[in-house]
PDB file of N, CA and C in Angstrom:
ATOM      1  N   MET A   1     -12.904  46.903  32.896  1.00  0.00           N
ATOM      2  CA  MET A   1     -11.570  47.030  32.288  1.00  0.00           C
ATOM      3  C   MET A   1     -10.550  46.562  33.221  1.00  0.00           C
ATOM      4  N   ALA A   2      -9.627  45.729  32.806  1.00  0.00           N
ATOM      5  CA  ALA A   2      -8.596  45.185  33.612  1.00  0.00           C
ATOM      6  C   ALA A   2      -7.587  46.214  34.019  1.00  0.00           C
ATOM      7  N   ARG A   3      -7.111  46.086  35.275  1.00  0.00           N
ATOM      8  CA  ARG A   3      -6.160  46.992  35.784  1.00  0.00           C
ATOM      9  C   ARG A   3      -4.719  46.599  35.248  1.00  0.00           C
ATOM     10  N   ALA A   4      -3.955  47.545  34.958  1.00  0.00           N
ATOM     11  CA  ALA A   4      -2.543  47.338  34.524  1.00  0.00           C
ATOM     12  C   ALA A   4      -1.745  46.755  35.567  1.00  0.00           C
ATOM     13  N   ALA A   5      -0.899  45.818  35.236  1.00  0.00           N
ATOM     14  CA  ALA A   5      -0.049  45.187  36.209  1.00  0.00           C
ATOM     15  C   ALA A   5       1.182  46.166  36.503  1.00  0.00           C
ATOM     16  N   THR A   6       0.964  47.105  37.395  1.00  0.00           N
ATOM     17  CA  THR A   6       1.866  48.096  37.695  1.00  0.00           C
ATOM     18  C   THR A   6       1.786  48.469  39.139  1.00  0.00           C
ATOM     19  N   THR A   7       2.784  49.023  39.651  1.00  0.00           N
ATOM     20  CA  THR A   7       2.768  49.459  41.070  1.00  0.00           C
ATOM     21  C   THR A   7       2.564  51.023  41.151  1.00  0.00           C
ATOM     22  N   SER A   8       2.206  51.599  40.019  1.00  0.00           N
ATOM     23  CA  SER A   8       2.099  53.104  39.963  1.00  0.00           C
ATOM     24  C   SER A   8       0.868  53.613  40.607  1.00  0.00           C
ATOM     25  N   ASP A   9      -0.003  52.843  41.104  1.00  0.00           N
ATOM     26  CA  ASP A   9      -1.142  53.389  41.903  1.00  0.00           C
ATOM     27  C   ASP A   9      -1.284  52.647  43.217  1.00  0.00           C
ATOM     28  N   VAL A  10      -1.993  53.324  44.080  1.00  0.00           N
ATOM     29  CA  VAL A  10      -2.163  52.833  45.465  1.00  0.00           C
ATOM     30  C   VAL A  10      -2.720  51.443  45.530  1.00  0.00           C
ATOM     31  N   PHE A  11      -3.704  51.110  44.710  1.00  0.00           N
ATOM     32  CA  PHE A  11      -4.342  49.821  44.750  1.00  0.00           C
ATOM     33  C   PHE A  11      -3.315  48.708  44.457  1.00  0.00           C
ATOM     34  N   ASN A  12      -2.527  48.871  43.501  1.00  0.00           N
ATOM     35  CA  ASN A  12      -1.489  47.861  43.125  1.00  0.00           C
ATOM     36  C   ASN A  12      -0.416  47.814  44.114  1.00  0.00           C
ATOM     37  N   ALA A  13      -0.070  48.965  44.710  1.00  0.00           N
ATOM     38  CA  ALA A  13       0.999  49.065  45.673  1.00  0.00           C
ATOM     39  C   ALA A  13       0.603  48.279  46.959  1.00  0.00           C
ATOM     40  N   ILE A  14      -0.611  48.406  47.367  1.00  0.00           N
ATOM     41  CA  ILE A  14      -1.070  47.743  48.633  1.00  0.00           C
ATOM     42  C   ILE A  14      -1.515  46.354  48.370  1.00  0.00           C
ATOM     43  N   ALA A  15      -1.513  45.874  47.135  1.00  0.00           N
ATOM     44  CA  ALA A  15      -1.861  44.518  46.839  1.00  0.00           C
ATOM     45  C   ALA A  15      -0.813  43.535  47.367  1.00  0.00           C
ATOM     46  N   GLU A  16       0.376  44.040  47.563  1.00  0.00           N
ATOM     47  CA  GLU A  16       1.469  43.235  48.097  1.00  0.00           C
ATOM     48  C   GLU A  16       1.430  43.149  49.619  1.00  0.00           C
ATOM     49  N   PRO A  17       1.268  41.942  50.159  1.00  0.00           N
ATOM     50  CA  PRO A  17       1.096  41.795  51.643  1.00  0.00           C
ATOM     51  C   PRO A  17       2.242  42.408  52.472  1.00  0.00           C
ATOM     52  N   GLN A  18       3.489  42.321  51.999  1.00  0.00           N
ATOM     53  CA  GLN A  18       4.579  42.931  52.747  1.00  0.00           C
ATOM     54  C   GLN A  18       4.534  44.381  52.833  1.00  0.00           C
ATOM     55  N   ARG A  19       3.994  45.033  51.743  1.00  0.00           N
ATOM     56  CA  ARG A  19       3.842  46.474  51.774  1.00  0.00           C
ATOM     57  C   ARG A  19       2.722  46.887  52.789  1.00  0.00           C
ATOM     58  N   ARG A  20       1.668  46.076  52.838  1.00  0.00           N
ATOM     59  CA  ARG A  20       0.645  46.420  53.852  1.00  0.00           C
ATOM     60  C   ARG A  20       1.255  46.258  55.264  1.00  0.00           C
ATOM     61  N   GLU A  21       2.109  45.254  55.505  1.00  0.00           N
ATOM     62  CA  GLU A  21       2.724  45.112  56.770  1.00  0.00           C
ATOM     63  C   GLU A  21       3.621  46.286  57.093  1.00  0.00           C
ATOM     64  N   ILE A  22       4.313  46.769  56.132  1.00  0.00           N
ATOM     65  CA  ILE A  22       5.089  48.001  56.400  1.00  0.00           C
ATOM     66  C   ILE A  22       4.241  49.184  56.778  1.00  0.00           C
ATOM     67  N   LEU A  23       3.043  49.356  56.099  1.00  0.00           N
ATOM     68  CA  LEU A  23       2.188  50.404  56.517  1.00  0.00           C
ATOM     69  C   LEU A  23       1.681  50.237  57.874  1.00  0.00           C
ATOM     70  N   LEU A  24       1.371  48.952  58.293  1.00  0.00           N
ATOM     71  CA  LEU A  24       0.908  48.744  59.700  1.00  0.00           C
ATOM     72  C   LEU A  24       2.031  49.120  60.651  1.00  0.00           C
ATOM     73  N   LEU A  25       3.264  48.807  60.371  1.00  0.00           N
ATOM     74  CA  LEU A  25       4.340  49.134  61.299  1.00  0.00           C
ATOM     75  C   LEU A  25       4.562  50.604  61.405  1.00  0.00           C
ATOM     76  N   LEU A  26       4.411  51.342  60.264  1.00  0.00           N
ATOM     77  CA  LEU A  26       4.618  52.806  60.258  1.00  0.00           C
ATOM     78  C   LEU A  26       3.494  53.566  60.910  1.00  0.00           C
ATOM     79  N   ARG A  27       2.364  52.902  61.237  1.00  0.00           N
ATOM     80  CA  ARG A  27       1.314  53.606  61.932  1.00  0.00           C
ATOM     81  C   ARG A  27       1.794  54.053  63.319  1.00  0.00           C
ATOM     82  N   ALA A  28       2.761  53.338  63.857  1.00  0.00           N
ATOM     83  CA  ALA A  28       3.309  53.608  65.204  1.00  0.00           C
ATOM     84  C   ALA A  28       4.259  54.768  65.197  1.00  0.00           C
ATOM     85  N   GLY A  29       4.730  55.154  64.029  1.00  0.00           N
ATOM     86  CA  GLY A  29       5.737  56.194  63.907  1.00  0.00           C
ATOM     87  C   GLY A  29       6.828  55.927  62.898  1.00  0.00           C
ATOM     88  N   GLU A  30       7.727  56.873  62.756  1.00  0.00           N
ATOM     89  CA  GLU A  30       8.782  56.734  61.778  1.00  0.00           C
ATOM     90  C   GLU A  30       9.759  55.636  62.202  1.00  0.00           C
ATOM     91  N   ARG A  31      10.345  55.016  61.221  1.00  0.00           N
ATOM     92  CA  ARG A  31      11.352  53.933  61.440  1.00  0.00           C
ATOM     93  C   ARG A  31      12.351  53.934  60.328  1.00  0.00           C
ATOM     94  N   PRO A  32      13.581  53.535  60.622  1.00  0.00           N
ATOM     95  CA  PRO A  32      14.574  53.333  59.620  1.00  0.00           C
ATOM     96  C   PRO A  32      14.390  52.014  58.857  1.00  0.00           C
ATOM     97  N   VAL A  33      14.896  51.914  57.618  1.00  0.00           N
ATOM     98  CA  VAL A  33      14.639  50.783  56.887  1.00  0.00           C
ATOM     99  C   VAL A  33      15.176  49.491  57.481  1.00  0.00           C
ATOM    100  N   THR A  34      16.358  49.610  58.170  1.00  0.00           N
ATOM    101  CA  THR A  34      16.976  48.446  58.829  1.00  0.00           C
ATOM    102  C   THR A  34      16.043  47.852  59.915  1.00  0.00           C
ATOM    103  N   GLU A  35      15.385  48.719  60.600  1.00  0.00           N
ATOM    104  CA  GLU A  35      14.405  48.224  61.635  1.00  0.00           C
ATOM    105  C   GLU A  35      13.215  47.520  60.976  1.00  0.00           C
ATOM    106  N   LEU A  36      12.664  48.117  59.904  1.00  0.00           N
ATOM    107  CA  LEU A  36      11.582  47.495  59.229  1.00  0.00           C
ATOM    108  C   LEU A  36      11.951  46.198  58.618  1.00  0.00           C
ATOM    109  N   ALA A  37      13.121  46.183  57.966  1.00  0.00           N
ATOM    110  CA  ALA A  37      13.537  44.916  57.353  1.00  0.00           C
ATOM    111  C   ALA A  37      13.652  43.790  58.450  1.00  0.00           C
ATOM    112  N   GLN A  38      14.248  44.148  59.583  1.00  0.00           N
ATOM    113  CA  GLN A  38      14.393  43.124  60.614  1.00  0.00           C
ATOM    114  C   GLN A  38      13.050  42.682  61.133  1.00  0.00           C
ATOM    115  N   GLU A  39      12.188  43.657  61.387  1.00  0.00           N
ATOM    116  CA  GLU A  39      10.856  43.291  61.901  1.00  0.00           C
ATOM    117  C   GLU A  39      10.110  42.347  60.937  1.00  0.00           C
ATOM    118  N   LEU A  40      10.282  42.538  59.643  1.00  0.00           N
ATOM    119  CA  LEU A  40       9.556  41.782  58.634  1.00  0.00           C
ATOM    120  C   LEU A  40      10.328  40.569  58.169  1.00  0.00           C
ATOM    121  N   GLY A  41      11.532  40.397  58.682  1.00  0.00           N
ATOM    122  CA  GLY A  41      12.358  39.203  58.257  1.00  0.00           C
ATOM    123  C   GLY A  41      12.759  39.242  56.816  1.00  0.00           C
ATOM    124  N   MET A  42      13.102  40.414  56.327  1.00  0.00           N
ATOM    125  CA  MET A  42      13.488  40.490  54.885  1.00  0.00           C
ATOM    126  C   MET A  42      14.808  41.283  54.863  1.00  0.00           C
ATOM    127  N   THR A  43      15.427  41.271  53.658  1.00  0.00           N
ATOM    128  CA  THR A  43      16.711  42.015  53.535  1.00  0.00           C
ATOM    129  C   THR A  43      16.405  43.450  53.460  1.00  0.00           C
ATOM    130  N   GLN A  44      17.541  44.248  53.774  1.00  0.00           N
ATOM    131  CA  GLN A  44      17.402  45.704  53.677  1.00  0.00           C
ATOM    132  C   GLN A  44      17.092  46.137  52.253  1.00  0.00           C
ATOM    133  N   PRO A  45      17.715  45.559  51.237  1.00  0.00           N
ATOM    134  CA  PRO A  45      17.373  45.990  49.851  1.00  0.00           C
ATOM    135  C   PRO A  45      15.937  45.666  49.475  1.00  0.00           C
ATOM    136  N   GLY A  46      15.399  44.515  49.958  1.00  0.00           N
ATOM    137  CA  GLY A  46      13.992  44.143  49.735  1.00  0.00           C
ATOM    138  C   GLY A  46      13.071  45.160  50.379  1.00  0.00           C
ATOM    139  N   ALA A  47      13.342  45.537  51.659  1.00  0.00           N
ATOM    140  CA  ALA A  47      12.511  46.532  52.298  1.00  0.00           C
ATOM    141  C   ALA A  47      12.620  47.857  51.636  1.00  0.00           C
ATOM    142  N   SER A  48      13.847  48.240  51.196  1.00  0.00           N
ATOM    143  CA  SER A  48      14.020  49.544  50.468  1.00  0.00           C
ATOM    144  C   SER A  48      13.189  49.569  49.192  1.00  0.00           C
ATOM    145  N   LYS A  49      13.110  48.437  48.488  1.00  0.00           N
ATOM    146  CA  LYS A  49      12.330  48.375  47.272  1.00  0.00           C
ATOM    147  C   LYS A  49      10.807  48.572  47.480  1.00  0.00           C
ATOM    148  N   HIS A  50      10.332  47.957  48.628  1.00  0.00           N
ATOM    149  CA  HIS A  50       8.924  48.136  48.962  1.00  0.00           C
ATOM    150  C   HIS A  50       8.666  49.573  49.381  1.00  0.00           C
ATOM    151  N   LEU A  51       9.600  50.151  50.132  1.00  0.00           N
ATOM    152  CA  LEU A  51       9.444  51.526  50.603  1.00  0.00           C
ATOM    153  C   LEU A  51       9.443  52.533  49.422  1.00  0.00           C
ATOM    154  N   ARG A  52      10.317  52.265  48.376  1.00  0.00           N
ATOM    155  CA  ARG A  52      10.340  53.053  47.236  1.00  0.00           C
ATOM    156  C   ARG A  52       8.908  53.100  46.541  1.00  0.00           C
ATOM    157  N   VAL A  53       8.379  51.879  46.414  1.00  0.00           N
ATOM    158  CA  VAL A  53       7.078  51.838  45.751  1.00  0.00           C
ATOM    159  C   VAL A  53       6.047  52.576  46.573  1.00  0.00           C
ATOM    160  N   LEU A  54       6.011  52.396  47.862  1.00  0.00           N
ATOM    161  CA  LEU A  54       5.053  53.062  48.719  1.00  0.00           C
ATOM    162  C   LEU A  54       5.283  54.590  48.699  1.00  0.00           C
ATOM    163  N   ARG A  55       6.545  55.016  48.590  1.00  0.00           N
ATOM    164  CA  ARG A  55       6.788  56.445  48.522  1.00  0.00           C
ATOM    165  C   ARG A  55       6.347  57.055  47.151  1.00  0.00           C
ATOM    166  N   GLU A  56       6.484  56.316  46.090  1.00  0.00           N
ATOM    167  CA  GLU A  56       6.159  56.777  44.767  1.00  0.00           C
ATOM    168  C   GLU A  56       4.639  56.968  44.658  1.00  0.00           C
ATOM    169  N   VAL A  57       3.825  56.182  45.340  1.00  0.00           N
ATOM    170  CA  VAL A  57       2.406  56.336  45.315  1.00  0.00           C
ATOM    171  C   VAL A  57       1.833  57.269  46.435  1.00  0.00           C
ATOM    172  N   GLY A  58       2.686  57.826  47.227  1.00  0.00           N
ATOM    173  CA  GLY A  58       2.276  58.723  48.232  1.00  0.00           C
ATOM    174  C   GLY A  58       1.822  58.170  49.512  1.00  0.00           C
ATOM    175  N   LEU A  59       2.158  56.924  49.836  1.00  0.00           N
ATOM    176  CA  LEU A  59       1.783  56.367  51.113  1.00  0.00           C
ATOM    177  C   LEU A  59       2.824  56.487  52.178  1.00  0.00           C
ATOM    178  N   VAL A  60       4.078  56.714  51.795  1.00  0.00           N
ATOM    179  CA  VAL A  60       5.165  56.831  52.735  1.00  0.00           C
ATOM    180  C   VAL A  60       5.988  58.096  52.382  1.00  0.00           C
ATOM    181  N   ARG A  61       6.436  58.751  53.427  1.00  0.00           N
ATOM    182  CA  ARG A  61       7.341  59.886  53.223  1.00  0.00           C
ATOM    183  C   ARG A  61       8.630  59.532  53.981  1.00  0.00           C
ATOM    184  N   ASP A  62       9.709  60.228  53.591  1.00  0.00           N
ATOM    185  CA  ASP A  62      11.001  59.936  54.256  1.00  0.00           C
ATOM    186  C   ASP A  62      11.755  61.209  54.552  1.00  0.00           C
ATOM    187  N   ARG A  63      12.635  61.157  55.567  1.00  0.00           N
ATOM    188  CA  ARG A  63      13.394  62.357  55.867  1.00  0.00           C
ATOM    189  C   ARG A  63      14.707  61.846  56.428  1.00  0.00           C
ATOM    190  N   ARG A  64      15.705  62.708  56.275  1.00  0.00           N
ATOM    191  CA  ARG A  64      17.027  62.438  56.823  1.00  0.00           C
ATOM    192  C   ARG A  64      17.090  62.782  58.278  1.00  0.00           C
ATOM    193  N   ALA A  65      17.681  61.822  59.024  1.00  0.00           N
ATOM    194  CA  ALA A  65      17.887  62.143  60.472  1.00  0.00           C
ATOM    195  C   ALA A  65      19.300  61.595  60.749  1.00  0.00           C
ATOM    196  N   GLY A  66      20.255  62.586  60.660  1.00  0.00           N
ATOM    197  CA  GLY A  66      21.660  62.133  60.856  1.00  0.00           C
ATOM    198  C   GLY A  66      22.100  61.259  59.685  1.00  0.00           C
ATOM    199  N   LYS A  67      22.631  60.103  60.039  1.00  0.00           N
ATOM    200  CA  LYS A  67      23.072  59.137  58.939  1.00  0.00           C
ATOM    201  C   LYS A  67      21.972  58.237  58.431  1.00  0.00           C
ATOM    202  N   GLN A  68      20.804  58.333  59.088  1.00  0.00           N
ATOM    203  CA  GLN A  68      19.681  57.465  58.766  1.00  0.00           C
ATOM    204  C   GLN A  68      18.655  58.229  57.936  1.00  0.00           C
ATOM    205  N   ARG A  69      17.884  57.424  57.181  1.00  0.00           N
ATOM    206  CA  ARG A  69      16.719  57.969  56.548  1.00  0.00           C
ATOM    207  C   ARG A  69      15.540  57.273  57.294  1.00  0.00           C
ATOM    208  N   LEU A  70      14.601  58.122  57.820  1.00  0.00           N
ATOM    209  CA  LEU A  70      13.396  57.642  58.539  1.00  0.00           C
ATOM    210  C   LEU A  70      12.290  57.599  57.584  1.00  0.00           C
ATOM    211  N   TYR A  71      11.443  56.530  57.669  1.00  0.00           N
ATOM    212  CA  TYR A  71      10.271  56.460  56.860  1.00  0.00           C
ATOM    213  C   TYR A  71       9.032  56.530  57.713  1.00  0.00           C
ATOM    214  N   GLY A  72       8.005  57.267  57.272  1.00  0.00           N
ATOM    215  CA  GLY A  72       6.807  57.403  58.032  1.00  0.00           C
ATOM    216  C   GLY A  72       5.575  57.236  57.097  1.00  0.00           C
ATOM    217  N   LEU A  73       4.501  56.959  57.697  1.00  0.00           N
ATOM    218  CA  LEU A  73       3.209  56.821  57.005  1.00  0.00           C
ATOM    219  C   LEU A  73       2.640  58.137  56.560  1.00  0.00           C
ATOM    220  N   ASP A  74       2.142  58.201  55.345  1.00  0.00           N
ATOM    221  CA  ASP A  74       1.427  59.405  54.887  1.00  0.00           C
ATOM    222  C   ASP A  74       0.037  58.891  54.500  1.00  0.00           C
ATOM    223  N   ALA A  75      -0.853  58.827  55.447  1.00  0.00           N
ATOM    224  CA  ALA A  75      -2.159  58.174  55.182  1.00  0.00           C
ATOM    225  C   ALA A  75      -2.973  58.927  54.189  1.00  0.00           C
ATOM    226  N   ARG A  76      -2.690  60.220  53.879  1.00  0.00           N
ATOM    227  CA  ARG A  76      -3.392  60.850  52.875  1.00  0.00           C
ATOM    228  C   ARG A  76      -3.372  60.151  51.516  1.00  0.00           C
ATOM    229  N   GLY A  77      -2.355  59.347  51.357  1.00  0.00           N
ATOM    230  CA  GLY A  77      -2.219  58.602  50.075  1.00  0.00           C
ATOM    231  C   GLY A  77      -3.216  57.487  49.956  1.00  0.00           C
ATOM    232  N   LEU A  78      -3.893  57.181  51.063  1.00  0.00           N
ATOM    233  CA  LEU A  78      -4.979  56.180  50.995  1.00  0.00           C
ATOM    234  C   LEU A  78      -6.342  56.734  50.569  1.00  0.00           C
ATOM    235  N   ARG A  79      -6.365  58.033  50.341  1.00  0.00           N
ATOM    236  CA  ARG A  79      -7.649  58.639  49.927  1.00  0.00           C
ATOM    237  C   ARG A  79      -8.369  57.903  48.778  1.00  0.00           C
ATOM    238  N   PRO A  80      -7.592  57.578  47.687  1.00  0.00           N
ATOM    239  CA  PRO A  80      -8.320  56.853  46.587  1.00  0.00           C
ATOM    240  C   PRO A  80      -8.926  55.582  47.103  1.00  0.00           C
ATOM    241  N   VAL A  81      -8.277  54.815  48.006  1.00  0.00           N
ATOM    242  CA  VAL A  81      -8.853  53.609  48.497  1.00  0.00           C
ATOM    243  C   VAL A  81     -10.095  53.869  49.304  1.00  0.00           C
ATOM    244  N   HIS A  82      -9.965  54.883  50.140  1.00  0.00           N
ATOM    245  CA  HIS A  82     -11.112  55.233  50.938  1.00  0.00           C
ATOM    246  C   HIS A  82     -12.287  55.673  50.147  1.00  0.00           C
ATOM    247  N   GLU A  83     -12.024  56.459  49.124  1.00  0.00           N
ATOM    248  CA  GLU A  83     -13.153  56.887  48.250  1.00  0.00           C
ATOM    249  C   GLU A  83     -13.758  55.759  47.475  1.00  0.00           C
ATOM    250  N   TRP A  84     -12.996  54.805  47.010  1.00  0.00           N
ATOM    251  CA  TRP A  84     -13.497  53.699  46.256  1.00  0.00           C
ATOM    252  C   TRP A  84     -14.317  52.790  47.196  1.00  0.00           C
ATOM    253  N   THR A  85     -13.782  52.402  48.380  1.00  0.00           N
ATOM    254  CA  THR A  85     -14.512  51.557  49.265  1.00  0.00           C
ATOM    255  C   THR A  85     -15.717  52.282  49.885  1.00  0.00           C
ATOM    256  N   GLY A  86     -15.671  53.590  49.948  1.00  0.00           N
ATOM    257  CA  GLY A  86     -16.866  54.300  50.460  1.00  0.00           C
ATOM    258  C   GLY A  86     -18.029  54.114  49.567  1.00  0.00           C
ATOM    259  N   GLY A  87     -17.838  53.809  48.321  1.00  0.00           N
ATOM    260  CA  GLY A  87     -18.966  53.502  47.408  1.00  0.00           C
ATOM    261  C   GLY A  87     -19.777  52.299  47.811  1.00  0.00           C
ATOM    262  N   PHE A  88     -19.184  51.465  48.595  1.00  0.00           N
ATOM    263  CA  PHE A  88     -19.850  50.252  49.025  1.00  0.00           C
ATOM    264  C   PHE A  88     -20.489  50.347  50.404  1.00  0.00           C
ATOM    265  N   GLU A  89     -20.386  51.557  51.029  1.00  0.00           N
ATOM    266  CA  GLU A  89     -20.964  51.756  52.426  1.00  0.00           C
ATOM    267  C   GLU A  89     -22.435  51.538  52.436  1.00  0.00           C
ATOM    268  N   ARG A  90     -23.113  52.088  51.474  1.00  0.00           N
ATOM    269  CA  ARG A  90     -24.625  51.899  51.396  1.00  0.00           C
ATOM    270  C   ARG A  90     -24.981  50.436  51.306  1.00  0.00           C
ATOM    271  N   PHE A  91     -24.278  49.676  50.497  1.00  0.00           N
ATOM    272  CA  PHE A  91     -24.544  48.243  50.395  1.00  0.00           C
ATOM    273  C   PHE A  91     -24.345  47.549  51.665  1.00  0.00           C
ATOM    274  N   TRP A  92     -23.260  47.751  52.389  1.00  0.00           N
ATOM    275  CA  TRP A  92     -23.095  47.093  53.677  1.00  0.00           C
ATOM    276  C   TRP A  92     -23.989  47.609  54.751  1.00  0.00           C
ATOM    277  N   ASN A  93     -24.345  48.875  54.813  1.00  0.00           N
ATOM    278  CA  ASN A  93     -25.302  49.346  55.826  1.00  0.00           C
ATOM    279  C   ASN A  93     -26.602  48.696  55.583  1.00  0.00           C
ATOM    280  N   GLU A  94     -27.086  48.618  54.319  1.00  0.00           N
ATOM    281  CA  GLU A  94     -28.364  47.955  54.042  1.00  0.00           C
ATOM    282  C   GLU A  94     -28.331  46.507  54.421  1.00  0.00           C
ATOM    283  N   SER A  95     -27.235  45.860  54.150  1.00  0.00           N
ATOM    284  CA  SER A  95     -27.057  44.433  54.426  1.00  0.00           C
ATOM    285  C   SER A  95     -27.087  44.196  55.957  1.00  0.00           C
ATOM    286  N   PHE A  96     -26.408  45.002  56.713  1.00  0.00           N
ATOM    287  CA  PHE A  96     -26.402  44.858  58.212  1.00  0.00           C
ATOM    288  C   PHE A  96     -27.785  45.233  58.733  1.00  0.00           C
ATOM    289  N   ASP A  97     -28.480  46.225  58.161  1.00  0.00           N
ATOM    290  CA  ASP A  97     -29.833  46.495  58.592  1.00  0.00           C
ATOM    291  C   ASP A  97     -30.783  45.302  58.418  1.00  0.00           C
ATOM    292  N   ARG A  98     -30.672  44.651  57.171  1.00  0.00           N
ATOM    293  CA  ARG A  98     -31.550  43.446  56.947  1.00  0.00           C
ATOM    294  C   ARG A  98     -31.171  42.358  57.930  1.00  0.00           C
ATOM    295  N   LEU A  99     -29.874  42.162  58.181  1.00  0.00           N
ATOM    296  CA  LEU A  99     -29.483  41.112  59.169  1.00  0.00           C
ATOM    297  C   LEU A  99     -30.039  41.450  60.554  1.00  0.00           C
ATOM    298  N   ASP A 100     -29.982  42.700  60.994  1.00  0.00           N
ATOM    299  CA  ASP A 100     -30.521  43.120  62.277  1.00  0.00           C
ATOM    300  C   ASP A 100     -31.984  42.845  62.340  1.00  0.00           C
ATOM    301  N   GLU A 101     -32.713  43.143  61.268  1.00  0.00           N
ATOM    302  CA  GLU A 101     -34.160  42.891  61.248  1.00  0.00           C
ATOM    303  C   GLU A 101     -34.452  41.431  61.367  1.00  0.00           C
ATOM    304  N   TYR A 102     -33.691  40.609  60.723  1.00  0.00           N
ATOM    305  CA  TYR A 102     -33.853  39.164  60.767  1.00  0.00           C
ATOM    306  C   TYR A 102     -33.578  38.635  62.137  1.00  0.00           C
ATOM    307  N   VAL A 103     -32.545  39.103  62.789  1.00  0.00           N
ATOM    308  CA  VAL A 103     -32.221  38.652  64.166  1.00  0.00           C
ATOM    309  C   VAL A 103     -33.387  39.058  65.100  1.00  0.00           C
ATOM    310  N   GLN A 104     -33.894  40.285  64.949  1.00  0.00           N
ATOM    311  CA  GLN A 104     -34.979  40.735  65.763  1.00  0.00           C
ATOM    312  C   GLN A 104     -36.215  39.886  65.579  1.00  0.00           C
ATOM    313  N   ASP A 105     -36.506  39.535  64.300  1.00  0.00           N
ATOM    314  CA  ASP A 105     -37.688  38.608  63.942  1.00  0.00           C
ATOM    315  C   ASP A 105     -37.479  37.288  64.639  1.00  0.00           C
ATOM    316  N   LEU A 106     -36.221  36.777  64.676  1.00  0.00           N
ATOM    317  CA  LEU A 106     -36.013  35.446  65.300  1.00  0.00           C
ATOM    318  C   LEU A 106     -36.214  35.565  66.845  1.00  0.00           C
ATOM    319  N   LYS A 107     -35.711  36.587  67.406  1.00  0.00           N
ATOM    320  CA  LYS A 107     -35.917  36.800  68.832  1.00  0.00           C
ATOM    321  C   LYS A 107     -37.425  36.871  69.209  1.00  0.00           C
ATOM    322  N   GLN A 108     -38.126  37.631  68.364  1.00  0.00           N
ATOM    323  CA  GLN A 108     -39.541  37.840  68.640  1.00  0.00           C
ATOM    324  C   GLN A 108     -40.272  36.528  68.514  1.00  0.00           C
ATOM    325  N   ALA A 109     -39.898  35.694  67.453  1.00  0.00           N
ATOM    326  CA  ALA A 109     -40.628  34.451  67.228  1.00  0.00           C
ATOM    327  C   ALA A 109     -40.277  33.428  68.365  1.00  0.00           C
ATOM    328  N   LYS A 110     -39.107  33.515  68.908  1.00  0.00           N
ATOM    329  CA  LYS A 110     -38.701  32.623  70.004  1.00  0.00           C
ATOM    330  C   LYS A 110     -39.516  33.034  71.279  1.00  0.00           C
ATOM    331  N   GLN A 111     -39.689  34.342  71.472  1.00  0.00           N
ATOM    332  CA  GLN A 111     -40.421  34.774  72.641  1.00  0.00           C
ATOM    333  C   GLN A 111     -41.905  34.385  72.575  1.00  0.00           C
ATOM    334  N   GLU A 112     -42.504  34.319  71.377  1.00  0.00           N
ATOM    335  CA  GLU A 112     -43.860  33.956  71.177  1.00  0.00           C
ATOM    336  C   GLU A 112     -44.110  32.464  71.261  1.00  0.00           C
ATOM    337  N   GLU A 113     -43.084  31.642  71.298  1.00  0.00           N
ATOM    338  CA  GLU A 113     -43.230  30.188  71.356  1.00  0.00           C
ATOM    339  C   GLU A 113     -43.717  29.793  72.741  1.00  0.00           C
TER     340      GLU A 113
END
């Protein structure tokens, strides 16, 4: 089933590269929108729009600090992504195990030459 073209869930919100960049910047701590906009080379209204989307899906929190509003990462919002990608863990573990066996077989064959 196709996903709706909306930013109302985490998957669609993080599909936008600039939003992922914002999340990476916020890993280091809270920042005002002006600093984020400058760091990303975008306008303050553009950064505010991205922050609003990230806040609506639970990836970003904000708080007042004097005249500024500081934005911070709320990684708990990534839980749906973590749970979804976790379903592929067994696949990747098995793939890496097979690759490791193949490499070991190659090493053994080379030693036997």
